[in-house]
C-alpha atoms as a PDB file:
ATOM      1  CA  MET A   1       7.950   0.044   2.988  1.00  0.00           C
ATOM      2  CA  GLU A   2       9.383  -3.134   1.527  1.00  0.00           C
ATOM      3  CA  THR A   3       7.047  -5.678   0.004  1.00  0.00           C
ATOM      4  CA  TYR A   4       6.903  -9.212   1.334  1.00  0.00           C
ATOM      5  CA  GLN A   5       7.941 -10.411  -2.134  1.00  0.00           C
ATOM      6  CA  LYS A   6      11.275  -8.583  -1.797  1.00  0.00           C
ATOM      7  CA  ARG A   7      11.680  -9.726   1.797  1.00  0.00           C
ATOM      8  CA  ILE A   8      11.187 -13.427   1.039  1.00  0.00           C
ATOM      9  CA  ARG A   9      13.595 -13.187  -1.903  1.00  0.00           C
ATOM     10  CA  ASP A  10      16.215 -11.358   0.184  1.00  0.00           C
ATOM     11  CA  LEU A  11      15.865 -13.811   3.098  1.00  0.00           C
ATOM     12  CA  ARG A  12      16.231 -16.754   0.700  1.00  0.00           C
ATOM     13  CA  GLU A  13      19.303 -15.264  -0.979  1.00  0.00           C
ATOM     14  CA  ASP A  14      20.890 -14.361   2.388  1.00  0.00           C
ATOM     15  CA  ALA A  15      20.438 -18.001   3.451  1.00  0.00           C
ATOM     16  CA  ASP A  16      22.062 -19.188   0.177  1.00  0.00           C
ATOM     17  CA  LYS A  17      18.961 -21.234  -0.690  1.00  0.00           C
ATOM     18  CA  THR A  18      17.429 -21.837  -4.096  1.00  0.00           C
ATOM     19  CA  GLN A  19      13.759 -21.365  -4.903  1.00  0.00           C
ATOM     20  CA  THR A  20      13.562 -25.145  -5.297  1.00  0.00           C
ATOM     21  CA  GLN A  21      14.936 -25.750  -1.781  1.00  0.00           C
ATOM     22  CA  ILE A  22      12.460 -23.336  -0.195  1.00  0.00           C
ATOM     23  CA  ALA A  23       9.582 -24.710  -2.276  1.00  0.00           C
ATOM     24  CA  GLN A  24      10.392 -28.248  -1.075  1.00  0.00           C
ATOM     25  CA  MET A  25      10.467 -27.062   2.543  1.00  0.00           C
ATOM     26  CA  LEU A  26       7.040 -25.461   2.034  1.00  0.00           C
ATOM     27  CA  GLY A  27       5.648 -28.492   0.214  1.00  0.00           C
ATOM     28  CA  THR A  28       4.972 -26.599  -3.003  1.00  0.00           C
ATOM     29  CA  SER A  29       6.514 -26.422  -6.473  1.00  0.00           C
ATOM     30  CA  GLN A  30       9.396 -24.181  -7.492  1.00  0.00           C
ATOM     31  CA  THR A  31       7.080 -22.600 -10.069  1.00  0.00           C
ATOM     32  CA  MET A  32       4.516 -21.692  -7.402  1.00  0.00           C
ATOM     33  CA  TYR A  33       7.192 -20.348  -5.049  1.00  0.00           C
ATOM     34  CA  ALA A  34       8.593 -18.206  -7.875  1.00  0.00           C
ATOM     35  CA  ARG A  35       5.078 -16.775  -8.291  1.00  0.00           C
ATOM     36  CA  TYR A  36       5.112 -15.735  -4.600  1.00  0.00           C
ATOM     37  CA  GLU A  37       8.455 -13.927  -5.046  1.00  0.00           C
ATOM     38  CA  ARG A  38       7.208 -12.168  -8.196  1.00  0.00           C
ATOM     39  CA  GLY A  39       3.895 -11.213  -6.605  1.00  0.00           C
ATOM     40  CA  ALA A  40       1.917 -13.176  -9.214  1.00  0.00           C
ATOM     41  CA  SER A  41       0.281 -15.244  -6.445  1.00  0.00           C
ATOM     42  CA  GLU A  42      -0.540 -14.402  -2.854  1.00  0.00           C
ATOM     43  CA  LEU A  43       1.582 -16.106  -0.206  1.00  0.00           C
ATOM     44  CA  PRO A  44      -0.677 -18.389   1.891  1.00  0.00           C
ATOM     45  CA  ILE A  45      -0.648 -17.777   5.632  1.00  0.00           C
ATOM     46  CA  ARG A  46       0.597 -21.328   6.304  1.00  0.00           C
ATOM     47  CA  HIS A  47       3.647 -20.577   4.133  1.00  0.00           C
ATOM     48  CA  LEU A  48       4.189 -17.208   5.841  1.00  0.00           C
ATOM     49  CA  ILE A  49       4.309 -18.985   9.202  1.00  0.00           C
ATOM     50  CA  ARG A  50       6.725 -21.673   7.921  1.00  0.00           C
ATOM     51  CA  LEU A  51       9.020 -19.065   6.366  1.00  0.00           C
ATOM     52  CA  ALA A  52       9.063 -16.969   9.571  1.00  0.00           C
ATOM     53  CA  LYS A  53      10.017 -20.046  11.626  1.00  0.00           C
ATOM     54  CA  PHE A  54      12.565 -21.236   9.043  1.00  0.00           C
ATOM     55  CA  TYR A  55      14.357 -17.871   8.835  1.00  0.00           C
ATOM     56  CA  GLY A  56      13.918 -17.039  12.539  1.00  0.00           C
ATOM     57  CA  VAL A  57      12.130 -13.757  11.829  1.00  0.00           C
ATOM     58  CA  SER A  58       8.699 -12.400  12.672  1.00  0.00           C
ATOM     59  CA  SER A  59       5.821 -12.551  10.234  1.00  0.00           C
ATOM     60  CA  ASP A  60       5.577  -8.748  10.618  1.00  0.00           C
ATOM     61  CA  TYR A  61       9.152  -8.501   9.326  1.00  0.00           C
ATOM     62  CA  ILE A  62       8.349 -10.605   6.271  1.00  0.00           C
ATOM     63  CA  LEU A  63       5.208  -8.560   5.624  1.00  0.00           C
ATOM     64  CA  GLY A  64       7.175  -5.318   5.849  1.00  0.00           C
ATOM     65  CA  LEU A  65       5.260  -4.096   8.903  1.00  0.00           C
ATOM     66  CA  SER A  66       8.379  -4.088  11.083  1.00  0.00           C
ATOM     67  CA  GLN A  67      12.088  -3.526  10.611  1.00  0.00           C
ATOM     68  CA  GLN A  68      12.738  -5.842  13.584  1.00  0.00           C
ATOM     69  CA  ARG A  69      13.690  -9.325  12.405  1.00  0.00           C
END
């Protein structure tokens, strides 16, 4: 099972976005977003929801609970 850290990094890279661009969209700092991708900080639910909407995938996909985008 993939971790959500890998999924959010892969989704970001597939969309050709930088950590800074995604952090701005979430209303957080690049440093904090990098911590989410590394697993140093837990991803808040509000950010999970924003990322799912932004990438057009389900939250279950991001969390690694589903292979269905």
